[in-house]
Amino acid sequence: MVELERFKLYAHVDHADDDQLILSMIAAADTAVRDMTGKVPPSETDELFDIAVLQLSAHWYENRTPVTDVSVTEVPFTVQMLLNYIAMSSRYPEKEDADGADQ
């Protein structure tokens, strides 16, 4: 899973005020990437998978207000492209559901 310090470096966050929120967003983004793609990273450190988690969690962090005066920001194209690539790639093992059967 993506570490807090790596996220803070990626998202240019230089304070600890939101650490718990950020950790929750990282965990949620990791789950979302797994659920949306049906895949898991092939190893503990997979840069492509981690970048998808970083980009999604950073997007959520930067756009965490559900209602704004400006248009709502959609998930960036690069996140969609990474999710599609991971979902289609045979390099990534299938995610197993809780009872151990393939999805």
Foldseek 3Di string as FASTA:
>chain_A
DDDLVVLCVVLVPDDCPCSVVLVVLLVVLLVVLCVLQQFDQPDPDDPLSVVLSSLRSSLCVVQVPPDDPDDRDDRDPVSVVSSVCQSPDPNTDGHADPVRHGD
